[in-house]
C-alpha atoms as a PDB file:
ATOM      1  CA  UNK A   1      -6.401  24.876 -24.671  1.00  0.00           C
ATOM      2  CA  UNK A   2      -5.784  22.770 -21.622  1.00  0.00           C
ATOM      3  CA  UNK A   3      -4.609  22.553 -18.065  1.00  0.00           C
ATOM      4  CA  UNK A   4      -1.140  21.930 -16.757  1.00  0.00           C
ATOM      5  CA  UNK A   5      -1.994  18.338 -15.913  1.00  0.00           C
ATOM      6  CA  UNK A   6      -3.572  17.786 -19.328  1.00  0.00           C
ATOM      7  CA  UNK A   7      -0.393  19.065 -20.940  1.00  0.00           C
ATOM      8  CA  UNK A   8       1.661  16.703 -18.829  1.00  0.00           C
ATOM      9  CA  UNK A   9      -0.538  13.749 -19.689  1.00  0.00           C
ATOM     10  CA  UNK A  10      -0.110  14.525 -23.374  1.00  0.00           C
ATOM     11  CA  UNK A  11       3.679  14.652 -23.124  1.00  0.00           C
ATOM     12  CA  UNK A  12       5.734  11.782 -24.494  1.00  0.00           C
ATOM     13  CA  UNK A  13       6.884  10.917 -20.973  1.00  0.00           C
ATOM     14  CA  UNK A  14       3.378  10.599 -19.585  1.00  0.00           C
ATOM     15  CA  UNK A  15       2.216   8.714 -22.667  1.00  0.00           C
ATOM     16  CA  UNK A  16       4.914   6.117 -22.129  1.00  0.00           C
ATOM     17  CA  UNK A  17       3.803   5.643 -18.517  1.00  0.00           C
ATOM     18  CA  UNK A  18       0.114   5.293 -19.339  1.00  0.00           C
ATOM     19  CA  UNK A  19       0.682   3.114 -22.411  1.00  0.00           C
ATOM     20  CA  UNK A  20       2.642   0.669 -20.257  1.00  0.00           C
ATOM     21  CA  UNK A  21      -0.181   0.497 -17.725  1.00  0.00           C
ATOM     22  CA  UNK A  22      -2.732  -0.347 -20.416  1.00  0.00           C
ATOM     23  CA  UNK A  23      -0.639  -2.596 -22.669  1.00  0.00           C
ATOM     24  CA  UNK A  24      -0.987  -6.408 -22.839  1.00  0.00           C
ATOM     25  CA  UNK A  25       2.412  -7.133 -21.327  1.00  0.00           C
ATOM     26  CA  UNK A  26       2.928 -10.521 -19.706  1.00  0.00           C
ATOM     27  CA  UNK A  27       5.490 -10.904 -16.933  1.00  0.00           C
ATOM     28  CA  UNK A  28       7.843 -13.758 -17.853  1.00  0.00           C
ATOM     29  CA  UNK A  29      10.978 -13.160 -15.783  1.00  0.00           C
ATOM     30  CA  UNK A  30      12.255 -10.960 -13.014  1.00  0.00           C
ATOM     31  CA  UNK A  31      13.684  -8.343 -15.361  1.00  0.00           C
ATOM     32  CA  UNK A  32      12.029  -8.760 -18.746  1.00  0.00           C
ATOM     33  CA  UNK A  33       8.569  -8.581 -20.274  1.00  0.00           C
ATOM     34  CA  UNK A  34       7.094 -10.280 -23.269  1.00  0.00           C
ATOM     35  CA  UNK A  35       4.197  -8.771 -25.169  1.00  0.00           C
ATOM     36  CA  UNK A  36       1.615 -10.927 -26.932  1.00  0.00           C
ATOM     37  CA  UNK A  37       0.313  -9.278 -30.083  1.00  0.00           C
ATOM     38  CA  UNK A  38      -1.914 -10.535 -32.872  1.00  0.00           C
ATOM     39  CA  UNK A  39      -1.138  -9.527 -36.441  1.00  0.00           C
ATOM     40  CA  UNK A  40      -4.183  -8.668 -38.518  1.00  0.00           C
ATOM     41  CA  UNK A  41      -3.108 -11.133 -41.191  1.00  0.00           C
ATOM     42  CA  UNK A  42      -2.560 -14.046 -38.815  1.00  0.00           C
ATOM     43  CA  UNK A  43      -4.502 -15.695 -36.036  1.00  0.00           C
ATOM     44  CA  UNK A  44      -1.478 -16.713 -33.982  1.00  0.00           C
ATOM     45  CA  UNK A  45       0.050 -14.440 -31.334  1.00  0.00           C
ATOM     46  CA  UNK A  46       3.639 -13.366 -31.767  1.00  0.00           C
ATOM     47  CA  UNK A  47       5.917 -13.073 -28.761  1.00  0.00           C
ATOM     48  CA  UNK A  48       8.160 -10.036 -28.768  1.00  0.00           C
ATOM     49  CA  UNK A  49      11.083  -9.393 -26.491  1.00  0.00           C
ATOM     50  CA  UNK A  50      10.583  -5.821 -25.404  1.00  0.00           C
ATOM     51  CA  UNK A  51      13.088  -4.257 -23.026  1.00  0.00           C
ATOM     52  CA  UNK A  52      14.488  -4.128 -19.568  1.00  0.00           C
ATOM     53  CA  UNK A  53      12.023  -2.424 -17.244  1.00  0.00           C
ATOM     54  CA  UNK A  54      12.272  -0.635 -13.934  1.00  0.00           C
ATOM     55  CA  UNK A  55      10.471  -1.758 -10.802  1.00  0.00           C
ATOM     56  CA  UNK A  56       8.441   1.460 -10.981  1.00  0.00           C
ATOM     57  CA  UNK A  57       7.134   0.270 -14.355  1.00  0.00           C
ATOM     58  CA  UNK A  58       6.090  -2.992 -12.714  1.00  0.00           C
ATOM     59  CA  UNK A  59       4.266  -1.081  -9.985  1.00  0.00           C
ATOM     60  CA  UNK A  60       2.372   0.908 -12.628  1.00  0.00           C
ATOM     61  CA  UNK A  61       1.447  -2.322 -14.377  1.00  0.00           C
ATOM     62  CA  UNK A  62       0.365  -4.124 -11.199  1.00  0.00           C
ATOM     63  CA  UNK A  63      -1.862  -1.221 -10.158  1.00  0.00           C
ATOM     64  CA  UNK A  64      -3.107  -0.284 -13.616  1.00  0.00           C
ATOM     65  CA  UNK A  65      -6.717  -1.012 -12.573  1.00  0.00           C
ATOM     66  CA  UNK A  66      -6.622   1.979 -10.228  1.00  0.00           C
ATOM     67  CA  UNK A  67      -5.880   4.344 -13.118  1.00  0.00           C
ATOM     68  CA  UNK A  68      -4.404   6.828 -10.676  1.00  0.00           C
ATOM     69  CA  UNK A  69      -3.695  10.299 -11.980  1.00  0.00           C
ATOM     70  CA  UNK A  70      -0.154  11.560 -11.554  1.00  0.00           C
ATOM     71  CA  UNK A  71      -1.164  14.805  -9.948  1.00  0.00           C
ATOM     72  CA  UNK A  72      -1.974  16.373  -6.615  1.00  0.00           C
ATOM     73  CA  UNK A  73      -4.842  18.687  -5.783  1.00  0.00           C
ATOM     74  CA  UNK A  74      -2.760  21.851  -5.844  1.00  0.00           C
ATOM     75  CA  UNK A  75      -1.608  21.045  -9.370  1.00  0.00           C
ATOM     76  CA  UNK A  76      -4.978  19.900 -10.728  1.00  0.00           C
ATOM     77  CA  UNK A  77      -6.537  23.230  -9.775  1.00  0.00           C
ATOM     78  CA  UNK A  78      -3.755  25.227 -11.459  1.00  0.00           C
ATOM     79  CA  UNK A  79      -5.019  25.698 -15.033  1.00  0.00           C
ATOM     80  CA  UNK A  80      -2.909  27.344 -17.705  1.00  0.00           C
ATOM     81  CA  UNK A  81      -3.771  28.278 -21.262  1.00  0.00           C
ATOM     82  CA  UNK A  82      -1.436  26.431 -23.625  1.00  0.00           C
ATOM     83  CA  UNK A  83      -1.473  29.411 -25.964  1.00  0.00           C
ATOM     84  CA  UNK A  84      -0.276  31.836 -23.313  1.00  0.00           C
ATOM     85  CA  UNK A  85       2.613  30.062 -21.552  1.00  0.00           C
ATOM     86  CA  UNK A  86       5.268  32.376 -20.191  1.00  0.00           C
ATOM     87  CA  UNK A  87       8.812  31.060 -19.942  1.00  0.00           C
ATOM     88  CA  UNK A  88       8.393  30.455 -16.204  1.00  0.00           C
ATOM     89  CA  UNK A  89       5.121  28.585 -16.795  1.00  0.00           C
ATOM     90  CA  UNK A  90       6.757  26.462 -19.457  1.00  0.00           C
ATOM     91  CA  UNK A  91       9.603  25.577 -17.083  1.00  0.00           C
ATOM     92  CA  UNK A  92       7.081  24.733 -14.381  1.00  0.00           C
ATOM     93  CA  UNK A  93       5.206  22.509 -16.813  1.00  0.00           C
ATOM     94  CA  UNK A  94       8.427  20.746 -17.779  1.00  0.00           C
ATOM     95  CA  UNK A  95       9.329  20.210 -14.123  1.00  0.00           C
ATOM     96  CA  UNK A  96       6.013  18.573 -13.294  1.00  0.00           C
ATOM     97  CA  UNK A  97       6.090  16.372 -16.390  1.00  0.00           C
ATOM     98  CA  UNK A  98       9.572  15.126 -15.550  1.00  0.00           C
ATOM     99  CA  UNK A  99       8.532  14.445 -11.971  1.00  0.00           C
ATOM    100  CA  UNK A 100       5.382  12.526 -13.070  1.00  0.00           C
ATOM    101  CA  UNK A 101       2.958  14.858 -11.358  1.00  0.00           C
ATOM    102  CA  UNK A 102       1.967  13.450  -8.017  1.00  0.00           C
ATOM    103  CA  UNK A 103       5.463  12.321  -7.043  1.00  0.00           C
ATOM    104  CA  UNK A 104       6.455  13.304  -3.515  1.00  0.00           C
ATOM    105  CA  UNK A 105       9.817  13.280  -1.833  1.00  0.00           C
ATOM    106  CA  UNK A 106       9.744  11.592   1.568  1.00  0.00           C
ATOM    107  CA  UNK A 107      12.166  10.368   4.178  1.00  0.00           C
ATOM    108  CA  UNK A 108      12.595   6.626   3.839  1.00  0.00           C
ATOM    109  CA  UNK A 109      13.437   6.102   7.504  1.00  0.00           C
ATOM    110  CA  UNK A 110      11.591   7.696  10.393  1.00  0.00           C
ATOM    111  CA  UNK A 111      12.247   7.270  14.113  1.00  0.00           C
ATOM    112  CA  UNK A 112       8.851   6.396  15.657  1.00  0.00           C
ATOM    113  CA  UNK A 113      10.295   6.967  19.144  1.00  0.00           C
ATOM    114  CA  UNK A 114      10.902  10.650  18.402  1.00  0.00           C
ATOM    115  CA  UNK A 115       8.952  13.035  20.617  1.00  0.00           C
ATOM    116  CA  UNK A 116       7.349  14.495  17.496  1.00  0.00           C
ATOM    117  CA  UNK A 117       5.461  11.218  17.026  1.00  0.00           C
ATOM    118  CA  UNK A 118       4.496  10.634  20.654  1.00  0.00           C
ATOM    119  CA  UNK A 119       1.041  12.224  20.551  1.00  0.00           C
ATOM    120  CA  UNK A 120      -1.876   9.943  19.570  1.00  0.00           C
ATOM    121  CA  UNK A 121      -3.558  10.862  16.317  1.00  0.00           C
ATOM    122  CA  UNK A 122      -6.998  12.504  16.614  1.00  0.00           C
ATOM    123  CA  UNK A 123      -9.913  10.114  16.237  1.00  0.00           C
ATOM    124  CA  UNK A 124     -11.820  10.939  13.043  1.00  0.00           C
ATOM    125  CA  UNK A 125     -15.579  11.145  12.808  1.00  0.00           C
ATOM    126  CA  UNK A 126     -16.006   7.673  11.352  1.00  0.00           C
ATOM    127  CA  UNK A 127     -19.431   8.453   9.887  1.00  0.00           C
ATOM    128  CA  UNK A 128     -17.773  11.197   7.838  1.00  0.00           C
ATOM    129  CA  UNK A 129     -14.848   9.002   6.813  1.00  0.00           C
ATOM    130  CA  UNK A 130     -16.849   5.932   5.743  1.00  0.00           C
ATOM    131  CA  UNK A 131     -20.240   5.539   4.121  1.00  0.00           C
ATOM    132  CA  UNK A 132     -21.002   2.684   6.523  1.00  0.00           C
ATOM    133  CA  UNK A 133     -18.789   2.792   9.635  1.00  0.00           C
ATOM    134  CA  UNK A 134     -20.202  -0.503  10.901  1.00  0.00           C
ATOM    135  CA  UNK A 135     -18.573  -2.627   8.183  1.00  0.00           C
ATOM    136  CA  UNK A 136     -15.633  -4.931   9.049  1.00  0.00           C
ATOM    137  CA  UNK A 137     -12.351  -3.028   9.101  1.00  0.00           C
ATOM    138  CA  UNK A 138      -8.933  -3.841   7.687  1.00  0.00           C
ATOM    139  CA  UNK A 139      -5.981  -1.833   8.994  1.00  0.00           C
ATOM    140  CA  UNK A 140      -2.689  -1.626   7.123  1.00  0.00           C
ATOM    141  CA  UNK A 141       0.078  -0.474   9.466  1.00  0.00           C
ATOM    142  CA  UNK A 142       2.704   1.457   7.534  1.00  0.00           C
ATOM    143  CA  UNK A 143       0.535   1.917   4.462  1.00  0.00           C
ATOM    144  CA  UNK A 144       3.191   3.776   2.446  1.00  0.00           C
ATOM    145  CA  UNK A 145       1.831   5.230  -0.787  1.00  0.00           C
ATOM    146  CA  UNK A 146      -1.539   3.584  -0.131  1.00  0.00           C
ATOM    147  CA  UNK A 147      -1.885   1.880  -3.519  1.00  0.00           C
ATOM    148  CA  UNK A 148      -2.133  -1.575  -1.927  1.00  0.00           C
ATOM    149  CA  UNK A 149      -5.021  -0.555   0.323  1.00  0.00           C
ATOM    150  CA  UNK A 150      -6.735   1.453  -2.416  1.00  0.00           C
ATOM    151  CA  UNK A 151      -6.722  -1.585  -4.705  1.00  0.00           C
ATOM    152  CA  UNK A 152      -8.364  -3.717  -1.997  1.00  0.00           C
ATOM    153  CA  UNK A 153     -10.895  -1.012  -1.172  1.00  0.00           C
ATOM    154  CA  UNK A 154     -11.906  -0.648  -4.802  1.00  0.00           C
ATOM    155  CA  UNK A 155     -12.225  -4.408  -5.212  1.00  0.00           C
ATOM    156  CA  UNK A 156     -14.348  -4.783  -2.061  1.00  0.00           C
ATOM    157  CA  UNK A 157     -16.310  -1.554  -2.150  1.00  0.00           C
ATOM    158  CA  UNK A 158     -19.424  -2.858  -0.391  1.00  0.00           C
ATOM    159  CA  UNK A 159     -18.053  -5.459   2.002  1.00  0.00           C
ATOM    160  CA  UNK A 160     -15.465  -3.714   4.156  1.00  0.00           C
ATOM    161  CA  UNK A 161     -13.684  -0.532   5.185  1.00  0.00           C
ATOM    162  CA  UNK A 162      -9.948   0.045   4.817  1.00  0.00           C
ATOM    163  CA  UNK A 163      -7.732   2.177   7.018  1.00  0.00           C
ATOM    164  CA  UNK A 164      -4.069   3.002   6.421  1.00  0.00           C
ATOM    165  CA  UNK A 165      -1.863   4.216   9.264  1.00  0.00           C
ATOM    166  CA  UNK A 166       1.265   5.950   7.993  1.00  0.00           C
ATOM    167  CA  UNK A 167       3.924   7.945   9.834  1.00  0.00           C
ATOM    168  CA  UNK A 168       4.956  10.035   6.797  1.00  0.00           C
ATOM    169  CA  UNK A 169       2.445  12.834   6.406  1.00  0.00           C
ATOM    170  CA  UNK A 170       3.062  13.621   2.726  1.00  0.00           C
ATOM    171  CA  UNK A 171       2.111  10.081   1.762  1.00  0.00           C
ATOM    172  CA  UNK A 172      -1.089  10.308   3.806  1.00  0.00           C
ATOM    173  CA  UNK A 173      -2.066  13.554   2.122  1.00  0.00           C
ATOM    174  CA  UNK A 174      -1.565  12.116  -1.358  1.00  0.00           C
ATOM    175  CA  UNK A 175      -3.299   8.821  -0.504  1.00  0.00           C
ATOM    176  CA  UNK A 176      -6.403  10.635   0.731  1.00  0.00           C
ATOM    177  CA  UNK A 177      -6.374  12.719  -2.446  1.00  0.00           C
ATOM    178  CA  UNK A 178      -6.394   9.473  -4.417  1.00  0.00           C
ATOM    179  CA  UNK A 179      -9.322   8.236  -2.300  1.00  0.00           C
ATOM    180  CA  UNK A 180     -11.295  11.241  -3.517  1.00  0.00           C
ATOM    181  CA  UNK A 181     -10.088  10.800  -7.091  1.00  0.00           C
ATOM    182  CA  UNK A 182     -11.313   7.206  -7.095  1.00  0.00           C
ATOM    183  CA  UNK A 183     -14.602   8.129  -5.430  1.00  0.00           C
ATOM    184  CA  UNK A 184     -14.086   5.574  -2.648  1.00  0.00           C
ATOM    185  CA  UNK A 185     -16.289   5.737   0.433  1.00  0.00           C
ATOM    186  CA  UNK A 186     -14.602   2.820   2.202  1.00  0.00           C
ATOM    187  CA  UNK A 187     -10.954   3.929   2.376  1.00  0.00           C
ATOM    188  CA  UNK A 188      -9.135   6.432   4.561  1.00  0.00           C
ATOM    189  CA  UNK A 189      -5.574   7.204   5.648  1.00  0.00           C
ATOM    190  CA  UNK A 190      -4.414   8.711   8.931  1.00  0.00           C
ATOM    191  CA  UNK A 191      -1.091  10.336   9.753  1.00  0.00           C
ATOM    192  CA  UNK A 192      -0.255   8.325  12.841  1.00  0.00           C
ATOM    193  CA  UNK A 193       2.410   6.450  14.747  1.00  0.00           C
ATOM    194  CA  UNK A 194       0.771   3.033  15.084  1.00  0.00           C
ATOM    195  CA  UNK A 195       2.877   2.251  18.162  1.00  0.00           C
ATOM    196  CA  UNK A 196       1.118   5.127  19.927  1.00  0.00           C
ATOM    197  CA  UNK A 197      -2.228   5.472  18.161  1.00  0.00           C
ATOM    198  CA  UNK A 198      -3.485   2.008  17.229  1.00  0.00           C
ATOM    199  CA  UNK A 199      -5.607   1.228  20.297  1.00  0.00           C
ATOM    200  CA  UNK A 200      -6.696   4.850  20.644  1.00  0.00           C
ATOM    201  CA  UNK A 201      -8.043   4.865  17.088  1.00  0.00           C
ATOM    202  CA  UNK A 202      -9.375   1.354  16.568  1.00  0.00           C
ATOM    203  CA  UNK A 203     -11.184   1.038  19.891  1.00  0.00           C
ATOM    204  CA  UNK A 204     -13.359   3.956  18.798  1.00  0.00           C
ATOM    205  CA  UNK A 205     -14.439   2.264  15.552  1.00  0.00           C
ATOM    206  CA  UNK A 206     -17.991   0.887  15.621  1.00  0.00           C
ATOM    207  CA  UNK A 207     -17.501  -2.163  13.421  1.00  0.00           C
ATOM    208  CA  UNK A 208     -15.339  -5.251  13.988  1.00  0.00           C
ATOM    209  CA  UNK A 209     -11.608  -5.247  13.318  1.00  0.00           C
ATOM    210  CA  UNK A 210     -11.270  -8.158  10.903  1.00  0.00           C
ATOM    211  CA  UNK A 211      -7.780  -7.930   9.420  1.00  0.00           C
ATOM    212  CA  UNK A 212      -4.430  -6.281  10.220  1.00  0.00           C
ATOM    213  CA  UNK A 213      -1.472  -6.209   7.850  1.00  0.00           C
ATOM    214  CA  UNK A 214       2.119  -5.168   8.516  1.00  0.00           C
ATOM    215  CA  UNK A 215       3.964  -5.456   5.227  1.00  0.00           C
ATOM    216  CA  UNK A 216       7.690  -4.871   4.759  1.00  0.00           C
ATOM    217  CA  UNK A 217       8.081  -2.477   7.712  1.00  0.00           C
ATOM    218  CA  UNK A 218      11.205  -0.381   8.179  1.00  0.00           C
ATOM    219  CA  UNK A 219      13.907  -2.930   9.151  1.00  0.00           C
ATOM    220  CA  UNK A 220      15.980  -0.587  11.352  1.00  0.00           C
ATOM    221  CA  UNK A 221      19.016  -2.789  10.784  1.00  0.00           C
ATOM    222  CA  UNK A 222      21.278  -1.561  13.571  1.00  0.00           C
ATOM    223  CA  UNK A 223      20.824  -3.571  16.749  1.00  0.00           C
ATOM    224  CA  UNK A 224      20.510  -0.458  18.887  1.00  0.00           C
ATOM    225  CA  UNK A 225      17.632   0.626  16.636  1.00  0.00           C
ATOM    226  CA  UNK A 226      15.649  -2.623  16.878  1.00  0.00           C
ATOM    227  CA  UNK A 227      13.445  -0.973  19.501  1.00  0.00           C
ATOM    228  CA  UNK A 228      12.188   1.267  16.686  1.00  0.00           C
ATOM    229  CA  UNK A 229      10.723  -1.684  14.814  1.00  0.00           C
ATOM    230  CA  UNK A 230       6.956  -1.423  14.693  1.00  0.00           C
ATOM    231  CA  UNK A 231       6.094  -4.943  15.876  1.00  0.00           C
ATOM    232  CA  UNK A 232       6.654  -4.670  19.615  1.00  0.00           C
ATOM    233  CA  UNK A 233       4.761  -6.207  22.535  1.00  0.00           C
ATOM    234  CA  UNK A 234       2.544  -3.143  23.210  1.00  0.00           C
ATOM    235  CA  UNK A 235       1.369  -2.995  19.586  1.00  0.00           C
ATOM    236  CA  UNK A 236       0.749  -6.750  19.463  1.00  0.00           C
ATOM    237  CA  UNK A 237      -1.332  -6.437  22.647  1.00  0.00           C
ATOM    238  CA  UNK A 238      -3.329  -3.572  21.127  1.00  0.00           C
ATOM    239  CA  UNK A 239      -4.006  -5.566  17.963  1.00  0.00           C
ATOM    240  CA  UNK A 240      -5.126  -8.648  19.874  1.00  0.00           C
ATOM    241  CA  UNK A 241      -7.319  -6.572  22.174  1.00  0.00           C
ATOM    242  CA  UNK A 242      -9.250  -5.121  19.210  1.00  0.00           C
ATOM    243  CA  UNK A 243      -9.118  -7.988  16.710  1.00  0.00           C
ATOM    244  CA  UNK A 244     -12.349  -9.978  16.549  1.00  0.00           C
ATOM    245  CA  UNK A 245     -12.249 -13.762  17.161  1.00  0.00           C
ATOM    246  CA  UNK A 246     -11.413 -15.331  13.814  1.00  0.00           C
ATOM    247  CA  UNK A 247      -9.742 -12.115  12.653  1.00  0.00           C
ATOM    248  CA  UNK A 248      -6.383 -12.361  10.901  1.00  0.00           C
ATOM    249  CA  UNK A 249      -2.929 -10.777  11.035  1.00  0.00           C
ATOM    250  CA  UNK A 250      -0.712 -10.873   7.951  1.00  0.00           C
ATOM    251  CA  UNK A 251       2.972  -9.901   8.159  1.00  0.00           C
ATOM    252  CA  UNK A 252       5.743 -10.021   5.606  1.00  0.00           C
ATOM    253  CA  UNK A 253       9.247  -8.710   4.950  1.00  0.00           C
ATOM    254  CA  UNK A 254      12.019  -9.169   2.438  1.00  0.00           C
ATOM    255  CA  UNK A 255      14.496  -9.042   5.347  1.00  0.00           C
ATOM    256  CA  UNK A 256      14.709 -12.431   7.076  1.00  0.00           C
ATOM    257  CA  UNK A 257      15.790 -10.997  10.438  1.00  0.00           C
ATOM    258  CA  UNK A 258      12.775  -8.660  10.481  1.00  0.00           C
ATOM    259  CA  UNK A 259      10.404 -11.456   9.441  1.00  0.00           C
ATOM    260  CA  UNK A 260      11.769 -13.730  12.155  1.00  0.00           C
ATOM    261  CA  UNK A 261      11.407 -10.940  14.719  1.00  0.00           C
ATOM    262  CA  UNK A 262       7.740 -10.428  13.793  1.00  0.00           C
ATOM    263  CA  UNK A 263       7.182 -14.186  13.786  1.00  0.00           C
ATOM    264  CA  UNK A 264       8.709 -14.571  17.253  1.00  0.00           C
ATOM    265  CA  UNK A 265       6.592 -11.727  18.649  1.00  0.00           C
ATOM    266  CA  UNK A 266       3.368 -13.263  17.309  1.00  0.00           C
ATOM    267  CA  UNK A 267       4.289 -16.878  18.106  1.00  0.00           C
ATOM    268  CA  UNK A 268       4.555 -15.846  21.759  1.00  0.00           C
ATOM    269  CA  UNK A 269       0.794 -15.247  21.687  1.00  0.00           C
ATOM    270  CA  UNK A 270       0.019 -18.918  20.996  1.00  0.00           C
ATOM    271  CA  UNK A 271      -2.785 -18.911  23.572  1.00  0.00           C
ATOM    272  CA  UNK A 272      -4.655 -16.385  21.478  1.00  0.00           C
ATOM    273  CA  UNK A 273      -3.178 -16.711  17.976  1.00  0.00           C
ATOM    274  CA  UNK A 274      -2.672 -19.679  15.708  1.00  0.00           C
ATOM    275  CA  UNK A 275      -0.367 -19.761  12.727  1.00  0.00           C
ATOM    276  CA  UNK A 276      -2.303 -20.477   9.531  1.00  0.00           C
ATOM    277  CA  UNK A 277      -0.181 -23.123   7.842  1.00  0.00           C
ATOM    278  CA  UNK A 278      -2.876 -24.895   5.848  1.00  0.00           C
ATOM    279  CA  UNK A 279      -1.997 -22.848   2.761  1.00  0.00           C
ATOM    280  CA  UNK A 280       1.107 -23.402   0.625  1.00  0.00           C
ATOM    281  CA  UNK A 281       4.135 -22.872   2.863  1.00  0.00           C
ATOM    282  CA  UNK A 282       7.873 -23.455   2.787  1.00  0.00           C
ATOM    283  CA  UNK A 283       9.785 -23.686   6.072  1.00  0.00           C
ATOM    284  CA  UNK A 284       6.818 -22.043   7.768  1.00  0.00           C
ATOM    285  CA  UNK A 285       6.642 -19.107   5.329  1.00  0.00           C
ATOM    286  CA  UNK A 286       3.820 -18.547   2.848  1.00  0.00           C
ATOM    287  CA  UNK A 287       4.994 -19.000  -0.730  1.00  0.00           C
ATOM    288  CA  UNK A 288       2.535 -16.495  -2.161  1.00  0.00           C
ATOM    289  CA  UNK A 289       0.892 -13.268  -1.067  1.00  0.00           C
ATOM    290  CA  UNK A 290      -2.711 -14.252  -0.177  1.00  0.00           C
ATOM    291  CA  UNK A 291      -4.094 -10.737  -0.731  1.00  0.00           C
ATOM    292  CA  UNK A 292      -4.397 -10.920  -4.516  1.00  0.00           C
ATOM    293  CA  UNK A 293      -2.053  -7.972  -5.081  1.00  0.00           C
ATOM    294  CA  UNK A 294       1.618  -7.370  -4.246  1.00  0.00           C
ATOM    295  CA  UNK A 295       2.828  -4.332  -2.353  1.00  0.00           C
ATOM    296  CA  UNK A 296       5.202  -1.897  -4.017  1.00  0.00           C
ATOM    297  CA  UNK A 297       8.090  -2.966  -1.798  1.00  0.00           C
ATOM    298  CA  UNK A 298       7.318  -6.582  -2.630  1.00  0.00           C
ATOM    299  CA  UNK A 299       7.507  -5.810  -6.346  1.00  0.00           C
ATOM    300  CA  UNK A 300      10.824  -3.956  -5.960  1.00  0.00           C
ATOM    301  CA  UNK A 301      12.345  -6.735  -3.839  1.00  0.00           C
ATOM    302  CA  UNK A 302      11.255  -9.602  -6.075  1.00  0.00           C
ATOM    303  CA  UNK A 303      12.592  -7.808  -9.132  1.00  0.00           C
ATOM    304  CA  UNK A 304      15.987  -7.818  -7.414  1.00  0.00           C
ATOM    305  CA  UNK A 305      15.675 -11.530  -6.707  1.00  0.00           C
ATOM    306  CA  UNK A 306      14.906 -11.234  -2.996  1.00  0.00           C
ATOM    307  CA  UNK A 307      12.667 -13.701  -1.199  1.00  0.00           C
ATOM    308  CA  UNK A 308       9.584 -12.472   0.658  1.00  0.00           C
ATOM    309  CA  UNK A 309       8.950 -14.037   4.067  1.00  0.00           C
ATOM    310  CA  UNK A 310       5.234 -14.141   4.922  1.00  0.00           C
ATOM    311  CA  UNK A 311       3.194 -15.350   7.912  1.00  0.00           C
ATOM    312  CA  UNK A 312      -0.557 -15.426   8.424  1.00  0.00           C
ATOM    313  CA  UNK A 313      -2.167 -15.698  11.856  1.00  0.00           C
ATOM    314  CA  UNK A 314      -5.747 -16.055  13.049  1.00  0.00           C
ATOM    315  CA  UNK A 315      -7.181 -15.110  16.416  1.00  0.00           C
ATOM    316  CA  UNK A 316      -8.591 -18.196  18.073  1.00  0.00           C
ATOM    317  CA  UNK A 317     -12.318 -18.464  18.578  1.00  0.00           C
ATOM    318  CA  UNK A 318     -12.595 -19.355  22.238  1.00  0.00           C
ATOM    319  CA  UNK A 319     -15.646 -21.105  23.635  1.00  0.00           C
ATOM    320  CA  UNK A 320     -16.417 -18.168  25.896  1.00  0.00           C
ATOM    321  CA  UNK A 321     -16.529 -15.793  22.931  1.00  0.00           C
ATOM    322  CA  UNK A 322     -19.344 -17.805  21.340  1.00  0.00           C
ATOM    323  CA  UNK A 323     -21.660 -17.459  24.304  1.00  0.00           C
END
């Protein structure tokens, strides 16, 4: 006897996903893994060439610590008896297993200037969202699936709160479901257009804004669409207005033109911001992601051989702010 999700997790497809996430694979090249195994009759480890892997496999491996369930709330509450499957139920089961329950279809590109995204998001009751709404806050603008922020929130459960702003509602719904699944009291996601809602939301938060990340935003390649890019003067002003002295802004993109655009926007605020170049850099770009975990887009791009362009900024601590 078991539920639909239990049946899916016992399928060969799901087993292959979860076994990858828990296996001792070691990343050795952009497209191949090597597994270290110890034979019972020998003390030395043997290196085995395994197979070509997909970037989605790499994402599962990178975020294995989260142990996220491939399901959504509507599915997890839909229990079926394995001994009494009808044909339609069996087909439904097969569909969810093939889709890795929890997968959602979303539009990759959204126009933030559309009238449908022009209304500021409602301010949540922060004391209901976070266990301690006075803790320092990190905001990830364009949080996507949310895995990146969830990993940070789990790692720093008692020292900070984490807020994801995402313009695609389906991703927000699933991310907040995962927050509940993980039992996190320091993470939350809001369906919001950051260009419209950032100041409105963050100015209402009781604690200090300590960190803002904008990671691989939609590039909007066409020149006439550059005004849709998220890093624009009004958003930069809103971030700087709310960011505490000493707070940091981290931006990155696998598209050089987008990275340069974000860099130029932030470099213009030299009176308030300073570029953190004391860490390992190359041509002004950080060599490594300083967050301790790569984003999903970062994983996909690096697998394809793309370079990631990163910049880290810190809000200056002015003499007047110390008084």
